[in-house]
Amino acid sequence: MVVDVHYGDRLRSLPKGEPSWVVASPVNQPVIREIWKEYNTTDDIEGITSFNADPKATPEDWLVSELDMIDLHHGELSNDPPYSVLRVVGVSLSERIKKALSEFGLTATGITSDGFEARRGQDNKQVDGVRP
């Protein structure tokens, strides 16, 4: 999930074939459209799903508010197997985010230079001192 409104061309480095949720912004949206055209798909199971965000809210708000939709589209009710890793770009891990992740069975397992990673299941061992 990318909540960085300035991610732009870096979207091209997202793994092809893995679902990615990206905040729609004047910088991101043209690149998203180009990627959809190049890969001839808007399928959120295999590519990028763009979501609108309240410009008065924060990237943390956007992440927390989209977790339901991500889980609906990629969780156990929609996929077998369901998603087990959530990589987030554009926001730092906070107590609020940790709590929201835990509601979906996710545990923060690592901090990255531009966000964090969370996992669900038995293999969500603590990394870099991160725990919900």
C-alpha atoms as a PDB file:
ATOM      1  CA  MET A   1       0.000   0.000   0.000  1.00  0.00           C
ATOM      2  CA  VAL A   2       1.390   3.379  -1.022  1.00  0.00           C
ATOM      3  CA  VAL A   3       0.132   6.460   0.822  1.00  0.00           C
ATOM      4  CA  ASP A   4       2.931   8.706  -0.460  1.00  0.00           C
ATOM      5  CA  VAL A   5       1.293  11.290  -2.746  1.00  0.00           C
ATOM      6  CA  HIS A   6       4.657  11.947  -4.430  1.00  0.00           C
ATOM      7  CA  TYR A   7       5.604   8.327  -5.201  1.00  0.00           C
ATOM      8  CA  GLY A   8       5.070   8.827  -8.944  1.00  0.00           C
ATOM      9  CA  ASP A   9       7.485   6.960 -11.213  1.00  0.00           C
ATOM     10  CA  ARG A  10       8.649   4.764  -8.339  1.00  0.00           C
ATOM     11  CA  LEU A  11       5.301   2.962  -8.788  1.00  0.00           C
ATOM     12  CA  ARG A  12       6.946   1.201 -11.723  1.00  0.00           C
ATOM     13  CA  SER A  13       9.190  -0.640  -9.256  1.00  0.00           C
ATOM     14  CA  LEU A  14       6.237  -2.280  -7.495  1.00  0.00           C
ATOM     15  CA  PRO A  15       6.229  -6.044  -8.097  1.00  0.00           C
ATOM     16  CA  LYS A  16       4.179  -6.872 -11.186  1.00  0.00           C
ATOM     17  CA  GLY A  17       1.457  -9.390 -10.460  1.00  0.00           C
ATOM     18  CA  GLU A  18       1.118  -8.414  -6.809  1.00  0.00           C
ATOM     19  CA  PRO A  19      -1.825  -6.286  -5.734  1.00  0.00           C
ATOM     20  CA  SER A  20      -0.904  -2.740  -4.790  1.00  0.00           C
ATOM     21  CA  TRP A  21      -3.160  -0.042  -3.380  1.00  0.00           C
ATOM     22  CA  VAL A  22      -1.980   3.466  -4.197  1.00  0.00           C
ATOM     23  CA  VAL A  23      -3.352   6.821  -3.135  1.00  0.00           C
ATOM     24  CA  ALA A  24      -4.643   8.803  -6.102  1.00  0.00           C
ATOM     25  CA  SER A  25      -2.804  12.103  -6.366  1.00  0.00           C
ATOM     26  CA  PRO A  26      -1.803  14.455  -9.175  1.00  0.00           C
ATOM     27  CA  VAL A  27       1.666  12.833  -9.150  1.00  0.00           C
ATOM     28  CA  ASN A  28       0.595   9.175  -8.779  1.00  0.00           C
ATOM     29  CA  GLN A  29      -2.511   9.003 -10.961  1.00  0.00           C
ATOM     30  CA  PRO A  30      -0.865   9.627 -14.368  1.00  0.00           C
ATOM     31  CA  VAL A  31       1.679   6.888 -13.651  1.00  0.00           C
ATOM     32  CA  ILE A  32      -1.070   4.519 -12.501  1.00  0.00           C
ATOM     33  CA  ARG A  33      -2.952   5.106 -15.768  1.00  0.00           C
ATOM     34  CA  GLU A  34       0.208   4.446 -17.788  1.00  0.00           C
ATOM     35  CA  ILE A  35       0.836   1.195 -15.903  1.00  0.00           C
ATOM     36  CA  TRP A  36      -2.771   0.086 -16.440  1.00  0.00           C
ATOM     37  CA  LYS A  37      -2.394   0.773 -20.151  1.00  0.00           C
ATOM     38  CA  GLU A  38       0.983  -0.998 -20.392  1.00  0.00           C
ATOM     39  CA  TYR A  39      -0.265  -4.112 -18.637  1.00  0.00           C
ATOM     40  CA  ASN A  40      -3.768  -3.827 -20.066  1.00  0.00           C
ATOM     41  CA  THR A  41      -5.376  -4.397 -16.686  1.00  0.00           C
ATOM     42  CA  THR A  42      -7.143  -2.581 -13.890  1.00  0.00           C
ATOM     43  CA  ASP A  43      -7.539  -5.881 -12.039  1.00  0.00           C
ATOM     44  CA  ASP A  44      -6.831  -5.210  -8.364  1.00  0.00           C
ATOM     45  CA  ILE A  45      -5.909  -8.851  -7.806  1.00  0.00           C
ATOM     46  CA  GLU A  46      -2.924  -8.553 -10.149  1.00  0.00           C
ATOM     47  CA  GLY A  47      -2.122  -4.876 -10.335  1.00  0.00           C
ATOM     48  CA  ILE A  48      -2.643  -1.428  -8.923  1.00  0.00           C
ATOM     49  CA  THR A  49      -5.813  -0.241  -7.282  1.00  0.00           C
ATOM     50  CA  SER A  50      -6.002   3.502  -6.954  1.00  0.00           C
ATOM     51  CA  PHE A  51      -8.009   4.962  -4.081  1.00  0.00           C
ATOM     52  CA  ASN A  52      -9.165   8.494  -3.398  1.00  0.00           C
ATOM     53  CA  ALA A  53      -8.205  10.098  -0.131  1.00  0.00           C
ATOM     54  CA  ASP A  54      -9.446  13.104   1.748  1.00  0.00           C
ATOM     55  CA  PRO A  55      -6.788  15.787   1.214  1.00  0.00           C
ATOM     56  CA  LYS A  56      -7.541  17.154   4.693  1.00  0.00           C
ATOM     57  CA  ALA A  57      -6.711  13.787   6.274  1.00  0.00           C
ATOM     58  CA  THR A  58      -3.259  12.289   6.855  1.00  0.00           C
ATOM     59  CA  PRO A  59      -1.524   9.288   5.270  1.00  0.00           C
ATOM     60  CA  GLU A  60      -2.107   7.503   8.586  1.00  0.00           C
ATOM     61  CA  ASP A  61      -5.852   8.188   8.240  1.00  0.00           C
ATOM     62  CA  TRP A  62      -5.824   6.921   4.668  1.00  0.00           C
ATOM     63  CA  LEU A  63      -4.106   3.692   5.641  1.00  0.00           C
ATOM     64  CA  VAL A  64      -6.416   2.995   8.561  1.00  0.00           C
ATOM     65  CA  SER A  65      -9.531   3.772   6.494  1.00  0.00           C
ATOM     66  CA  GLU A  66      -8.485   1.505   3.579  1.00  0.00           C
ATOM     67  CA  LEU A  67      -7.636  -1.589   5.647  1.00  0.00           C
ATOM     68  CA  ASP A  68     -11.262  -2.789   5.495  1.00  0.00           C
ATOM     69  CA  MET A  69     -11.284  -2.618   1.694  1.00  0.00           C
ATOM     70  CA  ILE A  70      -7.914  -4.298   1.366  1.00  0.00           C
ATOM     71  CA  ASP A  71      -9.076  -7.106   3.616  1.00  0.00           C
ATOM     72  CA  LEU A  72     -12.370  -7.404   1.721  1.00  0.00           C
ATOM     73  CA  HIS A  73     -10.595  -7.728  -1.632  1.00  0.00           C
ATOM     74  CA  HIS A  74      -7.577  -9.786  -0.568  1.00  0.00           C
ATOM     75  CA  GLY A  75      -8.569 -11.447   2.712  1.00  0.00           C
ATOM     76  CA  GLU A  76      -9.911 -14.908   3.421  1.00  0.00           C
ATOM     77  CA  LEU A  77     -13.413 -14.110   2.144  1.00  0.00           C
ATOM     78  CA  SER A  78     -12.063 -13.283  -1.331  1.00  0.00           C
ATOM     79  CA  ASN A  79      -8.822 -15.208  -1.785  1.00  0.00           C
ATOM     80  CA  ASP A  80      -7.434 -18.629  -1.033  1.00  0.00           C
ATOM     81  CA  PRO A  81      -4.881 -18.176   0.302  1.00  0.00           C
ATOM     82  CA  PRO A  82      -5.551 -14.690   1.680  1.00  0.00           C
ATOM     83  CA  TYR A  83      -2.849 -12.045   1.794  1.00  0.00           C
ATOM     84  CA  SER A  84      -0.306 -12.567   4.543  1.00  0.00           C
ATOM     85  CA  VAL A  85       2.024  -9.570   4.085  1.00  0.00           C
ATOM     86  CA  LEU A  86       1.203  -5.881   3.922  1.00  0.00           C
ATOM     87  CA  ARG A  87       4.003  -3.513   2.910  1.00  0.00           C
ATOM     88  CA  VAL A  88       3.248   0.145   3.539  1.00  0.00           C
ATOM     89  CA  VAL A  89       5.074   3.094   1.960  1.00  0.00           C
ATOM     90  CA  GLY A  90       4.654   6.705   2.956  1.00  0.00           C
ATOM     91  CA  VAL A  91       3.798   6.606   6.649  1.00  0.00           C
ATOM     92  CA  SER A  92       5.595   5.670   9.848  1.00  0.00           C
ATOM     93  CA  LEU A  93       4.285   3.010  12.161  1.00  0.00           C
ATOM     94  CA  SER A  94       2.270   4.465  15.033  1.00  0.00           C
ATOM     95  CA  GLU A  95       0.314   3.058  17.945  1.00  0.00           C
ATOM     96  CA  ARG A  96      -2.907   3.829  16.087  1.00  0.00           C
ATOM     97  CA  ILE A  97      -1.713   1.901  13.031  1.00  0.00           C
ATOM     98  CA  LYS A  98      -0.536  -1.035  15.150  1.00  0.00           C
ATOM     99  CA  LYS A  99      -3.973  -1.236  16.747  1.00  0.00           C
ATOM    100  CA  ALA A 100      -5.746  -1.065  13.373  1.00  0.00           C
ATOM    101  CA  LEU A 101      -3.470  -3.765  11.920  1.00  0.00           C
ATOM    102  CA  SER A 102      -4.163  -6.056  14.872  1.00  0.00           C
ATOM    103  CA  GLU A 103      -7.892  -5.902  14.080  1.00  0.00           C
ATOM    104  CA  PHE A 104      -7.047  -7.718  10.834  1.00  0.00           C
ATOM    105  CA  GLY A 105      -4.665 -10.193  12.441  1.00  0.00           C
ATOM    106  CA  LEU A 106      -1.584  -8.310  11.251  1.00  0.00           C
ATOM    107  CA  THR A 107       1.522  -7.602  13.303  1.00  0.00           C
ATOM    108  CA  ALA A 108       4.180  -5.082  12.345  1.00  0.00           C
ATOM    109  CA  THR A 109       7.344  -7.070  11.688  1.00  0.00           C
ATOM    110  CA  GLY A 110       9.794  -4.564  10.295  1.00  0.00           C
ATOM    111  CA  ILE A 111      10.538  -0.923   9.696  1.00  0.00           C
ATOM    112  CA  THR A 112      11.724   0.122   6.241  1.00  0.00           C
ATOM    113  CA  SER A 113      13.317   3.342   5.044  1.00  0.00           C
ATOM    114  CA  ASP A 114       9.965   4.543   3.695  1.00  0.00           C
ATOM    115  CA  GLY A 115       7.399   2.734   5.850  1.00  0.00           C
ATOM    116  CA  PHE A 116       6.960  -0.686   7.393  1.00  0.00           C
ATOM    117  CA  GLU A 117       5.850  -4.274   6.840  1.00  0.00           C
ATOM    118  CA  ALA A 118       3.195  -6.260   8.656  1.00  0.00           C
ATOM    119  CA  ARG A 119       2.391  -9.974   8.548  1.00  0.00           C
ATOM    120  CA  ARG A 120      -0.370 -12.254   9.681  1.00  0.00           C
ATOM    121  CA  GLY A 121      -0.159 -15.809  10.921  1.00  0.00           C
ATOM    122  CA  GLN A 122       2.364 -17.754  12.912  1.00  0.00           C
ATOM    123  CA  ASP A 123       5.392 -16.348  11.086  1.00  0.00           C
ATOM    124  CA  ASN A 124       4.954 -12.766  12.249  1.00  0.00           C
ATOM    125  CA  LYS A 125       8.048 -12.721  14.405  1.00  0.00           C
ATOM    126  CA  GLN A 126       9.221  -9.441  15.848  1.00  0.00           C
ATOM    127  CA  VAL A 127      11.804  -7.523  13.827  1.00  0.00           C
ATOM    128  CA  ASP A 128      13.689  -4.413  14.928  1.00  0.00           C
ATOM    129  CA  GLY A 129      11.834  -4.282  18.216  1.00  0.00           C
ATOM    130  CA  VAL A 130       8.438  -3.737  16.574  1.00  0.00           C
ATOM    131  CA  ARG A 131       5.460  -5.271  18.329  1.00  0.00           C
ATOM    132  CA  PRO A 132       1.809  -4.202  18.518  1.00  0.00           C
END
